[in-house]
Each structure stands twice: as C-alpha cells, then as structure tokens.
Amino acid sequence: METLTIGDLSARSGVAPSALRYYEREGLIRSTRTSGNQRRYDRAELRRVAFIRIAQQVGVSLEEIRGALAELPESRTPTRADWARLSDRWRHRLEEKIALMQRLRDDLSGCIGCGCLSLHRCKLVNPDDRLAAEGTGARILLNPPG
C-alpha cells in the first residue's frame, strides 16, 4: 500500500505538519516509521484528518472526535459502512448543532435571554430578567421555548 510522508499528508490535507504531529500524539491519527525514523501515513489517514478538521470547524471537541475515531477499526482501513455507522451515531448531535446555529442566525438580532436588554427595558420577552433564574448565558437561544 502506498504511504504518504508528513509533507505529503500536510499538502493534501491542508493541515500543518505540527498539527499532524499533535493529532498523532493525541491518538487521532496513526503513522508507521521508516528505518530512518521518518513518519509514513496510510492514505486512509487523509479521511481521518478531513473528519477532524471539519468536526473542529463546527465546534466538536477533540475529546468527542477521539471517541468517534476510536469506534473505527484499527486493524484495517475503515470502509464506507464503518463511516456510515459513525455518521448515524453523530446524526442527532449534528442536527442539534445545526438547529442551534440556525437559531443564532435567525434570532441574534432579537432577545436571546442574556439579560442585556431585559435588565431595564424588555417588558415582553424577559420581564424582570426572569430567565436569569434558569442559569447563565443566552437562555432563549440555548433553550428555546416550546
């Protein structure tokens, strides 16, 4: 099987070699070593790196990414079915994140329940800052009514 150097993996994935070494230290990707101790990556690691990058860009923590990647087989290149199982397990979480991003897009210009308007002015959406009793942060945005 053809392998990639760290430079090849970096060039193809758009991820800096330092980040690839970090991902490897964190157990997110794997390499083998040549007799000269140079890293070599299976081509399948490209998909893992792409998955890591995209998941990070939508706010998934490295710990969650590590957990997901741990579900993939180590003894062989993951198949389409392996990735589909991972996708199915993440579907609900991703749908929740999409809904939150849509609420942020649609409701950020109005009251989100953070208290900035309701402390003195908002008599309709959050009178007397009652949402503060539910916790900190943007209560309406994080926990929409209904």
N, C-alpha and C. Protein backbone atom coordinates (compact mmCIF):
# COMPACT_ATOMS: atom_id res chain seq x y z
N MET A 1 0.85 -1.18 0.00
CA MET A 1 0.00 0.00 0.00
C MET A 1 0.89 1.24 0.00
N GLU A 2 0.51 2.21 -0.80
CA GLU A 2 1.26 3.45 -0.89
C GLU A 2 1.08 4.27 0.40
N THR A 3 2.18 4.80 0.90
CA THR A 3 2.11 5.63 2.09
C THR A 3 2.50 7.07 1.76
N LEU A 4 2.19 7.95 2.68
CA LEU A 4 2.46 9.38 2.49
C LEU A 4 3.45 9.86 3.55
N THR A 5 4.33 10.75 3.15
CA THR A 5 5.19 11.41 4.14
C THR A 5 4.34 12.44 4.86
N ILE A 6 4.88 12.99 5.94
CA ILE A 6 4.15 14.02 6.65
C ILE A 6 3.95 15.26 5.76
N GLY A 7 4.93 15.54 4.90
CA GLY A 7 4.79 16.65 3.97
C GLY A 7 3.68 16.41 2.96
N ASP A 8 3.60 15.17 2.46
CA ASP A 8 2.53 14.81 1.51
C ASP A 8 1.16 14.93 2.18
N LEU A 9 1.05 14.39 3.39
CA LEU A 9 -0.22 14.44 4.12
C LEU A 9 -0.60 15.89 4.40
N SER A 10 0.37 16.69 4.77
CA SER A 10 0.13 18.11 5.04
C SER A 10 -0.35 18.83 3.78
N ALA A 11 0.34 18.61 2.68
CA ALA A 11 -0.01 19.28 1.42
C ALA A 11 -1.40 18.89 0.95
N ARG A 12 -1.74 17.62 1.07
CA ARG A 12 -3.04 17.14 0.58
C ARG A 12 -4.18 17.53 1.51
N SER A 13 -3.93 17.55 2.82
CA SER A 13 -4.99 17.82 3.79
C SER A 13 -5.14 19.30 4.13
N GLY A 14 -4.07 20.08 3.88
CA GLY A 14 -4.12 21.49 4.26
C GLY A 14 -3.86 21.71 5.73
N VAL A 15 -3.35 20.69 6.41
CA VAL A 15 -3.06 20.76 7.85
C VAL A 15 -1.55 20.83 8.03
N ALA A 16 -1.12 21.74 8.86
CA ALA A 16 0.32 21.92 9.09
C ALA A 16 0.93 20.66 9.69
N PRO A 17 2.19 20.37 9.35
CA PRO A 17 2.85 19.20 9.93
C PRO A 17 2.82 19.20 11.46
N SER A 18 2.95 20.37 12.07
CA SER A 18 2.91 20.42 13.54
C SER A 18 1.56 19.95 14.07
N ALA A 19 0.48 20.30 13.37
CA ALA A 19 -0.85 19.84 13.78
C ALA A 19 -0.99 18.34 13.57
N LEU A 20 -0.42 17.82 12.49
CA LEU A 20 -0.47 16.38 12.25
C LEU A 20 0.27 15.63 13.35
N ARG A 21 1.42 16.15 13.75
CA ARG A 21 2.16 15.51 14.85
C ARG A 21 1.34 15.56 16.14
N TYR A 22 0.66 16.68 16.36
CA TYR A 22 -0.21 16.80 17.54
C TYR A 22 -1.34 15.78 17.48
N TYR A 23 -2.01 15.67 16.33
CA TYR A 23 -3.09 14.69 16.17
C TYR A 23 -2.57 13.28 16.45
N GLU A 24 -1.36 13.02 16.01
CA GLU A 24 -0.78 11.69 16.25
C GLU A 24 -0.51 11.48 17.74
N ARG A 25 0.07 12.48 18.40
CA ARG A 25 0.31 12.37 19.84
C ARG A 25 -0.99 12.14 20.61
N GLU A 26 -2.07 12.75 20.12
CA GLU A 26 -3.38 12.63 20.76
C GLU A 26 -4.10 11.33 20.40
N GLY A 27 -3.51 10.53 19.51
CA GLY A 27 -4.11 9.26 19.13
C GLY A 27 -5.22 9.38 18.10
N LEU A 28 -5.29 10.51 17.41
CA LEU A 28 -6.35 10.71 16.42
C LEU A 28 -5.98 10.13 15.06
N ILE A 29 -4.70 10.13 14.74
CA ILE A 29 -4.21 9.51 13.51
C ILE A 29 -3.01 8.64 13.87
N ARG A 30 -2.62 7.77 12.93
CA ARG A 30 -1.51 6.85 13.17
C ARG A 30 -0.52 6.90 12.02
N SER A 31 0.72 6.64 12.36
CA SER A 31 1.75 6.51 11.33
C SER A 31 2.62 5.32 11.67
N THR A 32 3.39 4.92 10.69
CA THR A 32 4.45 3.94 10.92
C THR A 32 5.75 4.71 10.76
N ARG A 33 6.86 4.06 11.07
CA ARG A 33 8.16 4.71 10.94
C ARG A 33 9.04 3.91 10.00
N THR A 34 9.83 4.66 9.25
CA THR A 34 10.81 4.01 8.37
C THR A 34 12.03 3.65 9.22
N SER A 35 12.99 2.97 8.60
CA SER A 35 14.23 2.64 9.31
C SER A 35 14.98 3.90 9.72
N GLY A 36 14.73 5.01 9.03
CA GLY A 36 15.34 6.30 9.38
C GLY A 36 14.47 7.10 10.33
N ASN A 37 13.43 6.48 10.90
CA ASN A 37 12.52 7.08 11.88
C ASN A 37 11.65 8.18 11.29
N GLN A 38 11.41 8.15 9.99
CA GLN A 38 10.51 9.12 9.38
C GLN A 38 9.09 8.58 9.39
N ARG A 39 8.13 9.46 9.62
CA ARG A 39 6.73 9.08 9.64
C ARG A 39 6.24 8.72 8.23
N ARG A 40 5.39 7.69 8.19
CA ARG A 40 4.69 7.34 6.97
C ARG A 40 3.23 7.08 7.34
N TYR A 41 2.34 7.66 6.56
CA TYR A 41 0.91 7.56 6.83
C TYR A 41 0.22 6.79 5.72
N ASP A 42 -0.71 5.91 6.09
CA ASP A 42 -1.56 5.26 5.11
C ASP A 42 -2.45 6.34 4.49
N ARG A 43 -2.84 6.14 3.24
CA ARG A 43 -3.70 7.11 2.56
C ARG A 43 -5.02 7.30 3.31
N ALA A 44 -5.48 6.26 4.01
CA ALA A 44 -6.75 6.35 4.75
C ALA A 44 -6.70 7.43 5.84
N GLU A 45 -5.50 7.81 6.27
CA GLU A 45 -5.39 8.85 7.29
C GLU A 45 -5.87 10.21 6.76
N LEU A 46 -5.86 10.37 5.44
CA LEU A 46 -6.39 11.61 4.86
C LEU A 46 -7.84 11.83 5.25
N ARG A 47 -8.63 10.77 5.22
CA ARG A 47 -10.04 10.90 5.58
C ARG A 47 -10.19 11.23 7.06
N ARG A 48 -9.37 10.61 7.90
CA ARG A 48 -9.42 10.93 9.33
C ARG A 48 -9.08 12.39 9.57
N VAL A 49 -8.06 12.88 8.90
CA VAL A 49 -7.65 14.28 9.07
C VAL A 49 -8.77 15.21 8.59
N ALA A 50 -9.39 14.88 7.47
CA ALA A 50 -10.50 15.70 6.97
C ALA A 50 -11.65 15.70 7.97
N PHE A 51 -11.95 14.54 8.52
CA PHE A 51 -13.01 14.42 9.52
C PHE A 51 -12.69 15.28 10.74
N ILE A 52 -11.45 15.21 11.22
CA ILE A 52 -11.03 16.00 12.37
C ILE A 52 -11.22 17.49 12.09
N ARG A 53 -10.73 17.93 10.95
CA ARG A 53 -10.81 19.36 10.59
C ARG A 53 -12.24 19.84 10.52
N ILE A 54 -13.09 19.10 9.83
CA ILE A 54 -14.48 19.53 9.68
C ILE A 54 -15.19 19.51 11.03
N ALA A 55 -14.99 18.46 11.81
CA ALA A 55 -15.63 18.38 13.12
C ALA A 55 -15.19 19.54 14.00
N GLN A 56 -13.91 19.88 13.98
CA GLN A 56 -13.43 21.02 14.76
C GLN A 56 -14.07 22.32 14.29
N GLN A 57 -14.23 22.48 13.00
CA GLN A 57 -14.79 23.73 12.47
C GLN A 57 -16.23 23.94 12.88
N VAL A 58 -16.95 22.87 13.18
CA VAL A 58 -18.33 23.04 13.64
C VAL A 58 -18.43 22.94 15.17
N GLY A 59 -17.28 22.98 15.83
CA GLY A 59 -17.28 23.09 17.28
C GLY A 59 -17.25 21.79 18.06
N VAL A 60 -16.92 20.69 17.42
CA VAL A 60 -16.83 19.42 18.14
C VAL A 60 -15.46 19.37 18.81
N SER A 61 -15.44 18.98 20.07
CA SER A 61 -14.18 18.93 20.81
C SER A 61 -13.30 17.77 20.36
N LEU A 62 -12.01 17.90 20.60
CA LEU A 62 -11.09 16.81 20.25
C LEU A 62 -11.43 15.54 21.03
N GLU A 63 -11.93 15.69 22.24
CA GLU A 63 -12.31 14.51 23.02
C GLU A 63 -13.45 13.75 22.34
N GLU A 64 -14.44 14.48 21.83
CA GLU A 64 -15.55 13.84 21.11
C GLU A 64 -15.06 13.22 19.81
N ILE A 65 -14.16 13.91 19.13
CA ILE A 65 -13.60 13.39 17.88
C ILE A 65 -12.82 12.12 18.17
N ARG A 66 -12.03 12.13 19.23
CA ARG A 66 -11.25 10.94 19.62
C ARG A 66 -12.18 9.76 19.88
N GLY A 67 -13.27 10.02 20.59
CA GLY A 67 -14.24 8.96 20.88
C GLY A 67 -14.85 8.37 19.62
N ALA A 68 -15.17 9.24 18.68
CA ALA A 68 -15.75 8.77 17.42
C ALA A 68 -14.74 7.95 16.63
N LEU A 69 -13.52 8.46 16.51
CA LEU A 69 -12.50 7.74 15.75
C LEU A 69 -12.13 6.42 16.41
N ALA A 70 -12.27 6.34 17.71
CA ALA A 70 -11.96 5.09 18.43
C ALA A 70 -12.93 3.97 18.04
N GLU A 71 -14.09 4.35 17.52
CA GLU A 71 -15.07 3.36 17.10
C GLU A 71 -14.73 2.74 15.74
N LEU A 72 -13.82 3.36 15.02
CA LEU A 72 -13.42 2.82 13.72
C LEU A 72 -12.40 1.70 13.92
N PRO A 73 -12.36 0.74 13.02
CA PRO A 73 -11.42 -0.38 13.18
C PRO A 73 -9.97 0.08 13.06
N GLU A 74 -9.12 -0.50 13.90
CA GLU A 74 -7.69 -0.19 13.85
C GLU A 74 -6.93 -1.15 12.94
N SER A 75 -7.47 -2.33 12.77
CA SER A 75 -6.75 -3.37 12.05
C SER A 75 -6.87 -3.27 10.54
N ARG A 76 -7.73 -2.36 10.07
CA ARG A 76 -7.92 -2.24 8.62
C ARG A 76 -8.39 -0.83 8.30
N THR A 77 -8.34 -0.51 7.02
CA THR A 77 -8.86 0.78 6.56
C THR A 77 -10.37 0.79 6.74
N PRO A 78 -10.92 1.83 7.39
CA PRO A 78 -12.38 1.89 7.56
C PRO A 78 -13.10 1.88 6.21
N THR A 79 -14.19 1.16 6.17
CA THR A 79 -15.00 1.07 4.96
C THR A 79 -16.08 2.14 4.97
N ARG A 80 -16.79 2.21 3.86
CA ARG A 80 -17.93 3.13 3.78
C ARG A 80 -18.95 2.79 4.89
N ALA A 81 -19.16 1.52 5.15
CA ALA A 81 -20.11 1.10 6.19
C ALA A 81 -19.64 1.55 7.57
N ASP A 82 -18.33 1.49 7.82
CA ASP A 82 -17.79 1.97 9.10
C ASP A 82 -18.08 3.45 9.29
N TRP A 83 -17.81 4.25 8.24
CA TRP A 83 -18.06 5.69 8.31
C TRP A 83 -19.56 5.97 8.43
N ALA A 84 -20.39 5.16 7.79
CA ALA A 84 -21.85 5.34 7.88
C ALA A 84 -22.33 5.11 9.31
N ARG A 85 -21.79 4.09 9.99
CA ARG A 85 -22.16 3.84 11.38
C ARG A 85 -21.77 5.03 12.26
N LEU A 86 -20.58 5.56 12.04
CA LEU A 86 -20.14 6.72 12.80
C LEU A 86 -21.08 7.90 12.53
N SER A 87 -21.43 8.10 11.28
CA SER A 87 -22.32 9.20 10.89
C SER A 87 -23.69 9.04 11.56
N ASP A 88 -24.22 7.82 11.57
CA ASP A 88 -25.52 7.59 12.20
C ASP A 88 -25.49 7.93 13.68
N ARG A 89 -24.41 7.60 14.36
CA ARG A 89 -24.29 7.88 15.79
C ARG A 89 -24.21 9.38 16.06
N TRP A 90 -23.64 10.12 15.12
CA TRP A 90 -23.48 11.57 15.30
C TRP A 90 -24.65 12.37 14.77
N ARG A 91 -25.55 11.75 14.05
CA ARG A 91 -26.62 12.48 13.37
C ARG A 91 -27.39 13.38 14.33
N HIS A 92 -27.85 12.85 15.45
CA HIS A 92 -28.65 13.64 16.40
C HIS A 92 -27.85 14.83 16.93
N ARG A 93 -26.62 14.59 17.30
CA ARG A 93 -25.76 15.66 17.82
C ARG A 93 -25.57 16.76 16.77
N LEU A 94 -25.33 16.36 15.54
CA LEU A 94 -25.14 17.33 14.47
C LEU A 94 -26.43 18.09 14.17
N GLU A 95 -27.56 17.40 14.22
CA GLU A 95 -28.84 18.09 13.99
C GLU A 95 -29.10 19.12 15.09
N GLU A 96 -28.75 18.81 16.34
CA GLU A 96 -28.89 19.78 17.43
C GLU A 96 -27.99 20.99 17.18
N LYS A 97 -26.76 20.75 16.73
CA LYS A 97 -25.83 21.84 16.46
C LYS A 97 -26.32 22.70 15.30
N ILE A 98 -26.87 22.08 14.27
CA ILE A 98 -27.42 22.82 13.14
C ILE A 98 -28.58 23.70 13.60
N ALA A 99 -29.46 23.14 14.43
CA ALA A 99 -30.60 23.91 14.94
C ALA A 99 -30.13 25.10 15.76
N LEU A 100 -29.10 24.90 16.58
CA LEU A 100 -28.55 26.00 17.38
C LEU A 100 -27.97 27.07 16.47
N MET A 101 -27.25 26.68 15.44
CA MET A 101 -26.66 27.66 14.53
C MET A 101 -27.75 28.41 13.77
N GLN A 102 -28.84 27.73 13.43
CA GLN A 102 -29.95 28.41 12.75
C GLN A 102 -30.62 29.41 13.70
N ARG A 103 -30.80 29.03 14.97
CA ARG A 103 -31.37 29.98 15.94
C ARG A 103 -30.45 31.18 16.11
N LEU A 104 -29.15 30.93 16.15
CA LEU A 104 -28.20 32.03 16.27
C LEU A 104 -28.33 32.97 15.07
N ARG A 105 -28.37 32.39 13.88
CA ARG A 105 -28.51 33.20 12.66
C ARG A 105 -29.81 34.00 12.67
N ASP A 106 -30.92 33.35 13.06
CA ASP A 106 -32.23 33.98 12.95
C ASP A 106 -32.59 34.89 14.12
N ASP A 107 -32.07 34.61 15.30
CA ASP A 107 -32.54 35.31 16.49
C ASP A 107 -31.53 36.23 17.15
N LEU A 108 -30.33 36.29 16.64
CA LEU A 108 -29.30 37.08 17.31
C LEU A 108 -29.66 38.56 17.39
N SER A 109 -30.43 39.06 16.44
CA SER A 109 -30.77 40.48 16.46
C SER A 109 -31.88 40.80 17.47
N GLY A 110 -32.56 39.78 17.97
CA GLY A 110 -33.61 39.98 18.97
C GLY A 110 -33.13 39.54 20.34
N CYS A 111 -34.06 39.39 21.25
CA CYS A 111 -33.71 38.98 22.62
C CYS A 111 -33.34 37.50 22.63
N ILE A 112 -32.18 37.22 23.19
CA ILE A 112 -31.73 35.83 23.30
C ILE A 112 -31.72 35.38 24.76
N GLY A 113 -32.18 36.26 25.65
CA GLY A 113 -32.31 35.90 27.05
C GLY A 113 -31.04 36.03 27.85
N CYS A 114 -30.11 36.88 27.42
CA CYS A 114 -28.85 37.02 28.14
C CYS A 114 -28.93 38.08 29.24
N GLY A 115 -29.96 38.90 29.20
CA GLY A 115 -30.12 39.93 30.22
C GLY A 115 -29.74 41.32 29.78
N CYS A 116 -29.08 41.47 28.65
CA CYS A 116 -28.59 42.80 28.25
C CYS A 116 -29.72 43.80 28.04
N LEU A 117 -30.84 43.36 27.48
CA LEU A 117 -31.98 44.25 27.27
C LEU A 117 -32.99 44.15 28.40
N SER A 118 -33.11 42.98 28.98
CA SER A 118 -34.20 42.74 29.93
C SER A 118 -33.96 43.34 31.30
N LEU A 119 -32.74 43.68 31.62
CA LEU A 119 -32.50 44.23 32.96
C LEU A 119 -33.30 45.50 33.21
N HIS A 120 -33.45 46.36 32.19
CA HIS A 120 -34.15 47.61 32.40
C HIS A 120 -35.24 47.89 31.38
N ARG A 121 -35.17 47.29 30.21
CA ARG A 121 -36.06 47.72 29.14
C ARG A 121 -37.04 46.67 28.64
N CYS A 122 -36.69 45.39 28.63
CA CYS A 122 -37.52 44.38 27.95
C CYS A 122 -38.64 43.91 28.87
N LYS A 123 -39.84 44.39 28.63
CA LYS A 123 -41.00 44.01 29.46
C LYS A 123 -41.77 42.82 28.86
N LEU A 124 -41.51 42.52 27.59
CA LEU A 124 -42.29 41.47 26.94
C LEU A 124 -41.60 40.11 26.94
N VAL A 125 -40.38 40.05 26.45
CA VAL A 125 -39.71 38.76 26.26
C VAL A 125 -39.14 38.21 27.57
N ASN A 126 -38.58 39.08 28.39
CA ASN A 126 -37.91 38.62 29.61
C ASN A 126 -38.11 39.64 30.74
N PRO A 127 -39.36 39.85 31.17
CA PRO A 127 -39.61 40.86 32.20
C PRO A 127 -38.88 40.52 33.50
N ASP A 128 -38.34 41.56 34.11
CA ASP A 128 -37.59 41.42 35.38
C ASP A 128 -36.46 40.41 35.29
N ASP A 129 -35.96 40.20 34.09
CA ASP A 129 -34.84 39.27 33.85
C ASP A 129 -35.12 37.89 34.48
N ARG A 130 -36.35 37.40 34.34
CA ARG A 130 -36.74 36.12 34.95
C ARG A 130 -35.91 34.95 34.42
N LEU A 131 -35.36 35.07 33.21
CA LEU A 131 -34.58 33.97 32.66
C LEU A 131 -33.26 33.76 33.40
N ALA A 132 -32.83 34.76 34.15
CA ALA A 132 -31.59 34.61 34.91
C ALA A 132 -31.72 33.48 35.93
N ALA A 133 -32.94 33.23 36.39
CA ALA A 133 -33.15 32.14 37.36
C ALA A 133 -32.90 30.77 36.73
N GLU A 134 -32.94 30.69 35.39
CA GLU A 134 -32.73 29.41 34.70
C GLU A 134 -31.26 29.12 34.46
N GLY A 135 -30.41 30.10 34.71
CA GLY A 135 -28.98 29.88 34.50
C GLY A 135 -28.35 31.01 33.73
N THR A 136 -27.07 30.87 33.48
CA THR A 136 -26.32 31.92 32.81
C THR A 136 -26.40 31.78 31.30
N GLY A 137 -25.99 32.82 30.62
CA GLY A 137 -25.89 32.78 29.16
C GLY A 137 -27.18 33.09 28.46
N ALA A 138 -27.18 32.85 27.19
CA ALA A 138 -28.31 33.18 26.31
C ALA A 138 -29.40 32.12 26.43
N ARG A 139 -30.23 32.24 27.45
CA ARG A 139 -31.21 31.20 27.79
C ARG A 139 -32.19 30.93 26.64
N ILE A 140 -32.69 31.95 25.98
CA ILE A 140 -33.68 31.72 24.91
C ILE A 140 -33.00 31.04 23.72
N LEU A 141 -31.80 31.45 23.41
CA LEU A 141 -31.09 30.86 22.28
C LEU A 141 -30.70 29.41 22.58
N LEU A 142 -30.24 29.15 23.79
CA LEU A 142 -29.79 27.80 24.15
C LEU A 142 -30.95 26.85 24.43
N ASN A 143 -32.04 27.39 24.99
CA ASN A 143 -33.20 26.56 25.35
C ASN A 143 -34.45 27.26 24.86
N PRO A 144 -34.75 27.18 23.59
CA PRO A 144 -35.89 27.92 23.05
C PRO A 144 -37.21 27.42 23.66
N PRO A 145 -38.15 28.35 23.87
CA PRO A 145 -39.46 27.93 24.43
C PRO A 145 -40.19 27.03 23.46
N GLY A 146 -41.00 26.16 24.03
CA GLY A 146 -41.83 25.28 23.20
C GLY A 146 -41.14 24.06 22.88
